[in-house]
Amino acid sequence: MKKLLIAAVLVLAAAACAYFVFFRAAPASPEPQLPPYTVPALSKDYKNSTYNFSLKMPADFDATDIPGDPDGTPNTIVLQDKQGNGIQITVSPFDEDTGSGYTLTQERIQTDVPDLTILDPQVLEVGNNYNGLAFKSDNEAFGGASREVWFVFRGNLYQISTYDRLDGLLKQIFQTWQFL
């Protein structure tokens, strides 16, 4: 439980880092009203050999891997286009997974991150005997309105985040996610 709390704190630090990655070309406040996002075809493959998963993303997206530090800072993967549309995947060790399955619940998340807003939670299945949670939140790194997918698999906590307006993109990318 202590590791999840540490991971959550470190994820917030990684989110602050990702904020600068996502907003490096963003205009100054006030932010203009963005047009609705139309999800392009997912035609580009991404494979992560560290965590043994693959997924598909739009052709104009690039992947940036930000390795963690030995001090426990989680690894972060940013998939995005030149306009800053994309998703962030944060992966950190999770010692409560016995290897035979784990269900990450809203109650479990809020035990360690009580100030995290979880709206419209939906249970999702990730492989055999693993369940996670998809929800909306108020992640400041994404302008205060975010879409999140959190789950545990093979001893790691995965926290996938994006802007709320990119919910369709997150859903389509997540549907292509495969553990190898």
N, C-alpha and C. Protein backbone atom coordinates (compact mmCIF):
# COMPACT_ATOMS: atom_id res chain seq x y z
N MET A 1 0.83 -1.18 0.00
CA MET A 1 0.00 0.00 0.00
C MET A 1 0.87 1.24 0.00
N LYS A 2 1.96 1.18 0.74
CA LYS A 2 2.87 2.31 0.78
C LYS A 2 3.47 2.57 -0.60
N LYS A 3 3.73 1.49 -1.36
CA LYS A 3 4.30 1.65 -2.70
C LYS A 3 3.31 2.34 -3.63
N LEU A 4 2.01 2.06 -3.50
CA LEU A 4 1.02 2.73 -4.34
C LEU A 4 0.98 4.20 -4.01
N LEU A 5 1.08 4.56 -2.73
CA LEU A 5 1.09 5.97 -2.33
C LEU A 5 2.32 6.66 -2.90
N ILE A 6 3.47 6.01 -2.78
CA ILE A 6 4.69 6.58 -3.34
C ILE A 6 4.55 6.70 -4.85
N ALA A 7 4.01 5.67 -5.48
CA ALA A 7 3.82 5.70 -6.93
C ALA A 7 2.88 6.83 -7.32
N ALA A 8 1.82 7.04 -6.55
CA ALA A 8 0.87 8.10 -6.87
C ALA A 8 1.53 9.47 -6.76
N VAL A 9 2.35 9.66 -5.75
CA VAL A 9 3.07 10.93 -5.60
C VAL A 9 4.03 11.12 -6.76
N LEU A 10 4.72 10.06 -7.12
CA LEU A 10 5.65 10.14 -8.23
C LEU A 10 4.93 10.36 -9.56
N VAL A 11 3.74 9.78 -9.69
CA VAL A 11 2.96 10.00 -10.91
C VAL A 11 2.57 11.46 -11.03
N LEU A 12 2.22 12.08 -9.91
CA LEU A 12 1.89 13.50 -9.96
C LEU A 12 3.11 14.31 -10.41
N ALA A 13 4.29 13.91 -9.97
CA ALA A 13 5.51 14.59 -10.41
C ALA A 13 5.72 14.34 -11.91
N ALA A 14 5.50 13.11 -12.34
CA ALA A 14 5.63 12.80 -13.77
C ALA A 14 4.59 13.55 -14.58
N ALA A 15 3.39 13.71 -14.01
CA ALA A 15 2.34 14.46 -14.72
C ALA A 15 2.76 15.91 -14.90
N ALA A 16 3.41 16.46 -13.90
CA ALA A 16 3.90 17.84 -14.03
C ALA A 16 4.93 17.91 -15.15
N CYS A 17 5.81 16.90 -15.22
CA CYS A 17 6.80 16.84 -16.30
C CYS A 17 6.11 16.71 -17.64
N ALA A 18 5.11 15.84 -17.72
CA ALA A 18 4.39 15.64 -18.97
C ALA A 18 3.63 16.90 -19.37
N TYR A 19 3.21 17.65 -18.39
CA TYR A 19 2.52 18.92 -18.67
C TYR A 19 3.39 19.79 -19.58
N PHE A 20 4.68 19.84 -19.26
CA PHE A 20 5.58 20.65 -20.08
C PHE A 20 5.82 20.03 -21.45
N VAL A 21 5.80 18.69 -21.52
CA VAL A 21 5.96 18.03 -22.82
C VAL A 21 4.74 18.30 -23.68
N PHE A 22 3.54 18.15 -23.11
CA PHE A 22 2.31 18.33 -23.88
C PHE A 22 2.08 19.78 -24.25
N PHE A 23 2.49 20.70 -23.40
CA PHE A 23 2.20 22.11 -23.64
C PHE A 23 3.38 22.89 -24.21
N ARG A 24 4.42 22.20 -24.66
CA ARG A 24 5.60 22.91 -25.15
C ARG A 24 5.30 23.83 -26.32
N ALA A 25 4.28 23.50 -27.14
CA ALA A 25 3.93 24.36 -28.27
C ALA A 25 2.55 24.97 -28.09
N ALA A 26 2.00 24.85 -26.89
CA ALA A 26 0.64 25.34 -26.64
C ALA A 26 0.63 26.86 -26.52
N PRO A 27 -0.46 27.50 -26.97
CA PRO A 27 -0.56 28.94 -26.85
C PRO A 27 -0.75 29.36 -25.40
N ALA A 28 -0.42 30.60 -25.10
CA ALA A 28 -0.57 31.13 -23.74
C ALA A 28 -2.05 31.28 -23.41
N SER A 29 -2.38 31.38 -22.13
CA SER A 29 -3.76 31.56 -21.68
C SER A 29 -4.29 32.90 -22.17
N PRO A 30 -5.57 33.07 -22.34
CA PRO A 30 -6.56 31.99 -22.21
C PRO A 30 -6.50 31.05 -23.40
N GLU A 31 -6.77 29.76 -23.10
CA GLU A 31 -6.70 28.75 -24.14
C GLU A 31 -7.88 28.91 -25.09
N PRO A 32 -7.61 28.91 -26.40
CA PRO A 32 -8.71 29.03 -27.36
C PRO A 32 -9.55 27.77 -27.36
N GLN A 33 -10.77 27.90 -27.78
CA GLN A 33 -11.66 26.75 -27.87
C GLN A 33 -11.17 25.86 -29.00
N LEU A 34 -10.87 24.61 -28.71
CA LEU A 34 -10.35 23.70 -29.70
C LEU A 34 -11.50 23.01 -30.42
N PRO A 35 -11.32 22.74 -31.71
CA PRO A 35 -12.37 22.02 -32.45
C PRO A 35 -12.47 20.59 -31.94
N PRO A 36 -13.60 19.93 -32.16
CA PRO A 36 -13.72 18.54 -31.73
C PRO A 36 -12.62 17.70 -32.39
N TYR A 37 -12.13 16.73 -31.66
CA TYR A 37 -11.05 15.88 -32.15
C TYR A 37 -11.65 14.69 -32.88
N THR A 38 -11.24 14.51 -34.12
CA THR A 38 -11.65 13.36 -34.90
C THR A 38 -10.50 12.35 -34.87
N VAL A 39 -10.79 11.16 -34.41
CA VAL A 39 -9.75 10.15 -34.26
C VAL A 39 -9.36 9.62 -35.65
N PRO A 40 -8.09 9.79 -36.01
CA PRO A 40 -7.64 9.24 -37.29
C PRO A 40 -7.44 7.73 -37.19
N ALA A 41 -7.19 7.11 -38.33
CA ALA A 41 -6.91 5.67 -38.34
C ALA A 41 -5.67 5.38 -37.49
N LEU A 42 -5.71 4.28 -36.79
CA LEU A 42 -4.57 3.86 -35.98
C LEU A 42 -3.73 2.91 -36.84
N SER A 43 -2.73 3.46 -37.50
CA SER A 43 -1.96 2.67 -38.47
C SER A 43 -0.49 2.50 -38.10
N LYS A 44 -0.05 3.12 -37.03
CA LYS A 44 1.35 3.04 -36.64
C LYS A 44 1.49 2.14 -35.41
N ASP A 45 2.44 1.21 -35.48
CA ASP A 45 2.66 0.27 -34.38
C ASP A 45 3.62 0.87 -33.36
N TYR A 46 3.32 0.60 -32.09
CA TYR A 46 4.25 0.94 -31.00
C TYR A 46 4.42 -0.33 -30.19
N LYS A 47 5.67 -0.65 -29.90
CA LYS A 47 5.98 -1.83 -29.09
C LYS A 47 6.92 -1.42 -27.98
N ASN A 48 6.58 -1.82 -26.76
CA ASN A 48 7.41 -1.51 -25.61
C ASN A 48 8.01 -2.82 -25.11
N SER A 49 9.33 -2.97 -25.29
CA SER A 49 9.98 -4.22 -24.90
C SER A 49 10.26 -4.28 -23.40
N THR A 50 10.25 -3.14 -22.72
CA THR A 50 10.46 -3.14 -21.27
C THR A 50 9.28 -3.77 -20.55
N TYR A 51 8.06 -3.40 -20.95
CA TYR A 51 6.85 -3.89 -20.29
C TYR A 51 6.08 -4.90 -21.14
N ASN A 52 6.64 -5.25 -22.28
CA ASN A 52 6.07 -6.28 -23.16
C ASN A 52 4.62 -6.03 -23.54
N PHE A 53 4.38 -4.86 -24.14
CA PHE A 53 3.06 -4.59 -24.69
C PHE A 53 3.21 -3.88 -26.02
N SER A 54 2.16 -3.94 -26.80
CA SER A 54 2.12 -3.21 -28.06
C SER A 54 0.76 -2.56 -28.20
N LEU A 55 0.70 -1.57 -29.08
CA LEU A 55 -0.55 -0.89 -29.38
C LEU A 55 -0.43 -0.21 -30.73
N LYS A 56 -1.53 0.29 -31.22
CA LYS A 56 -1.52 1.06 -32.45
C LYS A 56 -1.87 2.50 -32.11
N MET A 57 -1.28 3.43 -32.89
CA MET A 57 -1.53 4.85 -32.70
C MET A 57 -1.63 5.50 -34.08
N PRO A 58 -2.11 6.74 -34.15
CA PRO A 58 -2.19 7.42 -35.45
C PRO A 58 -0.81 7.57 -36.08
N ALA A 59 -0.77 7.61 -37.42
CA ALA A 59 0.49 7.67 -38.17
C ALA A 59 1.30 8.91 -37.83
N ASP A 60 0.65 10.02 -37.49
CA ASP A 60 1.40 11.26 -37.21
C ASP A 60 1.82 11.39 -35.75
N PHE A 61 1.65 10.35 -34.97
CA PHE A 61 2.07 10.36 -33.57
C PHE A 61 3.52 9.87 -33.45
N ASP A 62 4.21 10.39 -32.47
CA ASP A 62 5.53 9.91 -32.10
C ASP A 62 5.49 9.45 -30.66
N ALA A 63 6.34 8.51 -30.33
CA ALA A 63 6.43 7.99 -28.96
C ALA A 63 7.71 8.49 -28.32
N THR A 64 7.59 8.99 -27.10
CA THR A 64 8.73 9.43 -26.32
C THR A 64 8.74 8.65 -25.01
N ASP A 65 9.81 7.91 -24.79
CA ASP A 65 9.96 7.16 -23.54
C ASP A 65 10.81 7.99 -22.58
N ILE A 66 10.27 8.24 -21.40
CA ILE A 66 10.98 8.98 -20.37
C ILE A 66 11.26 7.99 -19.24
N PRO A 67 12.50 7.48 -19.18
CA PRO A 67 12.80 6.46 -18.17
C PRO A 67 12.72 7.01 -16.76
N GLY A 68 12.34 6.14 -15.85
CA GLY A 68 12.31 6.51 -14.44
C GLY A 68 13.71 6.49 -13.85
N ASP A 69 13.79 6.93 -12.63
CA ASP A 69 15.06 6.94 -11.92
C ASP A 69 15.09 5.81 -10.91
N PRO A 70 16.28 5.40 -10.49
CA PRO A 70 16.38 4.36 -9.47
C PRO A 70 15.69 4.74 -8.15
N ASP A 71 15.45 6.04 -7.94
CA ASP A 71 14.80 6.48 -6.70
C ASP A 71 13.31 6.15 -6.67
N GLY A 72 12.78 5.54 -7.73
CA GLY A 72 11.38 5.15 -7.74
C GLY A 72 10.51 5.98 -8.65
N THR A 73 11.06 6.98 -9.33
CA THR A 73 10.28 7.76 -10.28
C THR A 73 9.79 6.81 -11.37
N PRO A 74 8.49 6.81 -11.67
CA PRO A 74 7.97 5.86 -12.65
C PRO A 74 8.41 6.20 -14.08
N ASN A 75 8.35 5.19 -14.94
CA ASN A 75 8.61 5.40 -16.36
C ASN A 75 7.38 6.03 -16.99
N THR A 76 7.59 6.92 -17.95
CA THR A 76 6.49 7.57 -18.63
C THR A 76 6.69 7.45 -20.13
N ILE A 77 5.62 7.13 -20.83
CA ILE A 77 5.62 7.03 -22.28
C ILE A 77 4.59 8.05 -22.77
N VAL A 78 5.01 8.94 -23.66
CA VAL A 78 4.11 9.95 -24.20
C VAL A 78 3.93 9.66 -25.69
N LEU A 79 2.68 9.49 -26.09
CA LEU A 79 2.34 9.28 -27.50
C LEU A 79 1.58 10.53 -27.93
N GLN A 80 2.12 11.28 -28.90
CA GLN A 80 1.44 12.53 -29.27
C GLN A 80 1.81 13.00 -30.67
N ASP A 81 0.97 13.89 -31.21
CA ASP A 81 1.24 14.52 -32.49
C ASP A 81 1.86 15.90 -32.26
N LYS A 82 2.15 16.61 -33.31
CA LYS A 82 2.82 17.92 -33.18
C LYS A 82 1.90 18.99 -32.57
N GLN A 83 0.59 18.78 -32.58
CA GLN A 83 -0.34 19.72 -31.98
C GLN A 83 -0.53 19.48 -30.48
N GLY A 84 0.09 18.44 -29.94
CA GLY A 84 -0.03 18.14 -28.52
C GLY A 84 -1.16 17.21 -28.18
N ASN A 85 -1.83 16.65 -29.19
CA ASN A 85 -2.87 15.65 -28.94
C ASN A 85 -2.18 14.33 -28.65
N GLY A 86 -2.58 13.67 -27.59
CA GLY A 86 -1.97 12.40 -27.29
C GLY A 86 -2.34 11.86 -25.93
N ILE A 87 -1.64 10.82 -25.55
CA ILE A 87 -1.87 10.18 -24.25
C ILE A 87 -0.54 9.98 -23.55
N GLN A 88 -0.62 9.86 -22.23
CA GLN A 88 0.55 9.61 -21.39
C GLN A 88 0.33 8.29 -20.67
N ILE A 89 1.33 7.43 -20.69
CA ILE A 89 1.28 6.15 -20.00
C ILE A 89 2.38 6.16 -18.95
N THR A 90 2.00 6.03 -17.69
CA THR A 90 2.97 5.99 -16.60
C THR A 90 2.96 4.59 -16.01
N VAL A 91 4.14 4.01 -15.86
CA VAL A 91 4.25 2.64 -15.36
C VAL A 91 5.18 2.64 -14.14
N SER A 92 4.68 2.05 -13.06
CA SER A 92 5.49 1.96 -11.84
C SER A 92 5.28 0.59 -11.19
N PRO A 93 6.27 0.11 -10.47
CA PRO A 93 6.14 -1.20 -9.81
C PRO A 93 4.98 -1.21 -8.83
N PHE A 94 4.34 -2.36 -8.71
CA PHE A 94 3.20 -2.51 -7.81
C PHE A 94 3.34 -3.87 -7.12
N ASP A 95 3.62 -3.85 -5.83
CA ASP A 95 3.97 -5.08 -5.13
C ASP A 95 2.78 -5.89 -4.61
N GLU A 96 1.55 -5.44 -4.84
CA GLU A 96 0.39 -6.20 -4.35
C GLU A 96 -0.11 -7.23 -5.36
N ASP A 97 0.41 -7.21 -6.57
CA ASP A 97 0.00 -8.17 -7.60
C ASP A 97 0.76 -9.47 -7.37
N THR A 98 0.03 -10.55 -7.12
CA THR A 98 0.66 -11.84 -6.85
C THR A 98 1.00 -12.59 -8.13
N GLY A 99 0.63 -12.03 -9.27
CA GLY A 99 0.90 -12.69 -10.54
C GLY A 99 -0.25 -13.53 -11.03
N SER A 100 -1.27 -13.72 -10.22
CA SER A 100 -2.42 -14.53 -10.64
C SER A 100 -3.68 -13.69 -10.85
N GLY A 101 -3.53 -12.38 -10.81
CA GLY A 101 -4.67 -11.51 -11.05
C GLY A 101 -4.79 -10.44 -9.98
N TYR A 102 -5.39 -9.34 -10.37
CA TYR A 102 -5.58 -8.23 -9.44
C TYR A 102 -6.71 -7.35 -9.96
N THR A 103 -7.54 -6.88 -9.04
CA THR A 103 -8.59 -5.93 -9.38
C THR A 103 -8.28 -4.61 -8.68
N LEU A 104 -8.05 -3.58 -9.49
CA LEU A 104 -7.80 -2.24 -8.96
C LEU A 104 -9.15 -1.52 -8.89
N THR A 105 -9.56 -1.14 -7.69
CA THR A 105 -10.87 -0.52 -7.49
C THR A 105 -10.74 0.96 -7.16
N GLN A 106 -11.85 1.65 -7.26
CA GLN A 106 -11.88 3.07 -6.88
C GLN A 106 -11.50 3.22 -5.42
N GLU A 107 -12.00 2.36 -4.56
CA GLU A 107 -11.69 2.43 -3.14
C GLU A 107 -10.19 2.24 -2.90
N ARG A 108 -9.59 1.31 -3.63
CA ARG A 108 -8.16 1.06 -3.47
C ARG A 108 -7.34 2.27 -3.91
N ILE A 109 -7.72 2.88 -5.01
CA ILE A 109 -7.01 4.07 -5.49
C ILE A 109 -7.14 5.20 -4.48
N GLN A 110 -8.36 5.41 -3.99
CA GLN A 110 -8.57 6.55 -3.10
C GLN A 110 -8.06 6.32 -1.69
N THR A 111 -7.72 5.09 -1.36
CA THR A 111 -7.03 4.84 -0.09
C THR A 111 -5.69 5.56 -0.08
N ASP A 112 -4.99 5.50 -1.20
CA ASP A 112 -3.66 6.12 -1.29
C ASP A 112 -3.68 7.52 -1.88
N VAL A 113 -4.70 7.85 -2.66
CA VAL A 113 -4.79 9.18 -3.28
C VAL A 113 -6.19 9.75 -2.98
N PRO A 114 -6.43 10.12 -1.72
CA PRO A 114 -7.79 10.52 -1.32
C PRO A 114 -8.29 11.79 -2.00
N ASP A 115 -7.41 12.65 -2.47
CA ASP A 115 -7.85 13.89 -3.12
C ASP A 115 -8.12 13.74 -4.61
N LEU A 116 -7.87 12.56 -5.15
CA LEU A 116 -8.11 12.32 -6.57
C LEU A 116 -9.61 12.28 -6.84
N THR A 117 -10.05 13.08 -7.77
CA THR A 117 -11.46 13.06 -8.18
C THR A 117 -11.66 11.92 -9.16
N ILE A 118 -12.61 11.06 -8.87
CA ILE A 118 -12.95 9.95 -9.76
C ILE A 118 -14.43 10.09 -10.10
N LEU A 119 -14.69 10.42 -11.36
CA LEU A 119 -16.06 10.58 -11.84
C LEU A 119 -16.36 9.52 -12.89
N ASP A 120 -17.59 9.04 -12.92
CA ASP A 120 -18.05 8.07 -13.91
C ASP A 120 -17.11 6.86 -14.00
N PRO A 121 -16.82 6.20 -12.87
CA PRO A 121 -15.91 5.04 -12.91
C PRO A 121 -16.53 3.85 -13.65
N GLN A 122 -15.70 3.18 -14.44
CA GLN A 122 -16.15 2.01 -15.18
C GLN A 122 -15.08 0.93 -15.05
N VAL A 123 -15.49 -0.25 -14.64
CA VAL A 123 -14.58 -1.37 -14.51
C VAL A 123 -14.23 -1.87 -15.91
N LEU A 124 -12.94 -2.17 -16.12
CA LEU A 124 -12.53 -2.72 -17.41
C LEU A 124 -11.67 -3.95 -17.18
N GLU A 125 -11.77 -4.88 -18.09
CA GLU A 125 -11.02 -6.13 -17.99
C GLU A 125 -9.72 -6.01 -18.77
N VAL A 126 -8.64 -6.44 -18.14
CA VAL A 126 -7.32 -6.41 -18.76
C VAL A 126 -6.73 -7.81 -18.61
N GLY A 127 -6.86 -8.62 -19.61
CA GLY A 127 -6.33 -9.98 -19.52
C GLY A 127 -7.12 -10.82 -18.53
N ASN A 128 -6.68 -12.06 -18.36
CA ASN A 128 -7.36 -12.97 -17.43
C ASN A 128 -7.13 -12.55 -15.99
N ASN A 129 -8.20 -12.42 -15.23
CA ASN A 129 -8.16 -12.16 -13.79
C ASN A 129 -7.63 -10.78 -13.40
N TYR A 130 -7.53 -9.86 -14.34
CA TYR A 130 -7.10 -8.50 -14.04
C TYR A 130 -8.20 -7.53 -14.42
N ASN A 131 -8.53 -6.62 -13.50
CA ASN A 131 -9.51 -5.58 -13.76
C ASN A 131 -8.96 -4.24 -13.32
N GLY A 132 -9.27 -3.24 -14.09
CA GLY A 132 -8.84 -1.89 -13.77
C GLY A 132 -10.03 -0.95 -13.75
N LEU A 133 -9.74 0.34 -13.80
CA LEU A 133 -10.78 1.34 -13.70
C LEU A 133 -10.54 2.44 -14.74
N ALA A 134 -11.58 2.76 -15.49
CA ALA A 134 -11.57 3.91 -16.40
C ALA A 134 -12.45 4.96 -15.75
N PHE A 135 -12.00 6.23 -15.78
CA PHE A 135 -12.78 7.27 -15.12
C PHE A 135 -12.38 8.64 -15.65
N LYS A 136 -13.20 9.63 -15.33
CA LYS A 136 -12.88 11.02 -15.62
C LYS A 136 -12.32 11.63 -14.33
N SER A 137 -11.43 12.62 -14.49
CA SER A 137 -10.83 13.23 -13.33
C SER A 137 -10.52 14.69 -13.60
N ASP A 138 -9.81 15.30 -12.66
CA ASP A 138 -9.46 16.72 -12.75
C ASP A 138 -7.94 16.91 -12.77
N ASN A 139 -7.26 16.07 -13.52
CA ASN A 139 -5.80 16.08 -13.61
C ASN A 139 -5.33 17.43 -14.17
N GLU A 140 -4.63 18.19 -13.36
CA GLU A 140 -4.17 19.53 -13.75
C GLU A 140 -3.24 19.50 -14.96
N ALA A 141 -2.50 18.41 -15.14
CA ALA A 141 -1.59 18.30 -16.28
C ALA A 141 -2.35 18.30 -17.61
N PHE A 142 -3.64 18.04 -17.55
CA PHE A 142 -4.46 18.02 -18.76
C PHE A 142 -5.54 19.09 -18.71
N GLY A 143 -5.22 20.21 -18.14
CA GLY A 143 -6.15 21.33 -18.13
C GLY A 143 -7.32 21.16 -17.18
N GLY A 144 -7.25 20.21 -16.28
CA GLY A 144 -8.29 20.04 -15.29
C GLY A 144 -9.39 19.06 -15.66
N ALA A 145 -9.49 18.68 -16.92
CA ALA A 145 -10.51 17.71 -17.35
C ALA A 145 -9.78 16.59 -18.08
N SER A 146 -9.69 15.44 -17.43
CA SER A 146 -8.93 14.34 -18.02
C SER A 146 -9.74 13.06 -18.07
N ARG A 147 -9.24 12.16 -18.87
CA ARG A 147 -9.78 10.80 -18.96
C ARG A 147 -8.63 9.89 -18.53
N GLU A 148 -8.92 8.95 -17.65
CA GLU A 148 -7.89 8.10 -17.05
C GLU A 148 -8.27 6.62 -17.19
N VAL A 149 -7.27 5.79 -17.36
CA VAL A 149 -7.42 4.33 -17.28
C VAL A 149 -6.28 3.85 -16.39
N TRP A 150 -6.61 3.23 -15.28
CA TRP A 150 -5.61 2.71 -14.34
C TRP A 150 -5.85 1.21 -14.18
N PHE A 151 -4.76 0.44 -14.22
CA PHE A 151 -4.87 -0.98 -13.96
C PHE A 151 -3.52 -1.53 -13.52
N VAL A 152 -3.55 -2.72 -12.95
CA VAL A 152 -2.34 -3.43 -12.52
C VAL A 152 -2.22 -4.65 -13.40
N PHE A 153 -1.00 -4.92 -13.87
CA PHE A 153 -0.76 -6.12 -14.67
C PHE A 153 0.70 -6.52 -14.52
N ARG A 154 0.93 -7.80 -14.23
CA ARG A 154 2.28 -8.36 -14.09
C ARG A 154 3.18 -7.53 -13.17
N GLY A 155 2.64 -7.12 -12.04
CA GLY A 155 3.45 -6.43 -11.03
C GLY A 155 3.71 -4.96 -11.30
N ASN A 156 2.97 -4.38 -12.24
CA ASN A 156 3.14 -2.95 -12.54
C ASN A 156 1.79 -2.24 -12.51
N LEU A 157 1.81 -1.00 -12.06
CA LEU A 157 0.64 -0.13 -12.09
C LEU A 157 0.74 0.72 -13.36
N TYR A 158 -0.28 0.67 -14.20
CA TYR A 158 -0.35 1.45 -15.43
C TYR A 158 -1.38 2.57 -15.21
N GLN A 159 -0.95 3.80 -15.46
CA GLN A 159 -1.84 4.94 -15.35
C GLN A 159 -1.81 5.66 -16.70
N ILE A 160 -2.89 5.55 -17.43
CA ILE A 160 -2.98 6.13 -18.77
C ILE A 160 -3.88 7.35 -18.66
N SER A 161 -3.39 8.50 -19.14
CA SER A 161 -4.11 9.76 -18.98
C SER A 161 -4.11 10.55 -20.28
N THR A 162 -5.17 11.32 -20.48
CA THR A 162 -5.26 12.22 -21.62
C THR A 162 -6.29 13.30 -21.32
N TYR A 163 -6.38 14.25 -22.23
CA TYR A 163 -7.41 15.28 -22.12
C TYR A 163 -8.78 14.63 -22.27
N ASP A 164 -9.77 15.14 -21.59
CA ASP A 164 -11.13 14.60 -21.68
C ASP A 164 -11.63 14.61 -23.12
N ARG A 165 -11.26 15.64 -23.89
CA ARG A 165 -11.74 15.75 -25.27
C ARG A 165 -11.14 14.66 -26.17
N LEU A 166 -10.10 13.96 -25.69
CA LEU A 166 -9.48 12.90 -26.47
C LEU A 166 -9.90 11.51 -25.99
N ASP A 167 -11.04 11.44 -25.31
CA ASP A 167 -11.55 10.18 -24.79
C ASP A 167 -11.68 9.14 -25.91
N GLY A 168 -12.19 9.54 -27.06
CA GLY A 168 -12.35 8.60 -28.18
C GLY A 168 -11.01 8.03 -28.64
N LEU A 169 -9.98 8.88 -28.66
CA LEU A 169 -8.64 8.42 -29.03
C LEU A 169 -8.14 7.40 -28.02
N LEU A 170 -8.28 7.70 -26.74
CA LEU A 170 -7.83 6.78 -25.70
C LEU A 170 -8.54 5.43 -25.83
N LYS A 171 -9.84 5.47 -26.03
CA LYS A 171 -10.60 4.21 -26.15
C LYS A 171 -10.12 3.39 -27.33
N GLN A 172 -9.90 4.04 -28.47
CA GLN A 172 -9.48 3.29 -29.66
C GLN A 172 -8.06 2.74 -29.50
N ILE A 173 -7.16 3.53 -28.95
CA ILE A 173 -5.80 3.04 -28.72
C ILE A 173 -5.83 1.88 -27.73
N PHE A 174 -6.60 2.02 -26.65
CA PHE A 174 -6.63 0.98 -25.63
C PHE A 174 -7.20 -0.33 -26.19
N GLN A 175 -8.11 -0.24 -27.15
CA GLN A 175 -8.67 -1.45 -27.76
C GLN A 175 -7.61 -2.24 -28.54
N THR A 176 -6.54 -1.56 -28.96
CA THR A 176 -5.48 -2.25 -29.71
C THR A 176 -4.37 -2.76 -28.80
N TRP A 177 -4.42 -2.41 -27.51
CA TRP A 177 -3.37 -2.76 -26.55
C TRP A 177 -3.31 -4.28 -26.40
N GLN A 178 -2.09 -4.82 -26.50
CA GLN A 178 -1.88 -6.26 -26.30
C GLN A 178 -0.62 -6.47 -25.47
N PHE A 179 -0.72 -7.35 -24.48
CA PHE A 179 0.46 -7.76 -23.77
C PHE A 179 1.08 -8.93 -24.54
N LEU A 180 2.38 -8.88 -24.66
CA LEU A 180 3.10 -9.89 -25.46
C LEU A 180 3.59 -11.04 -24.60
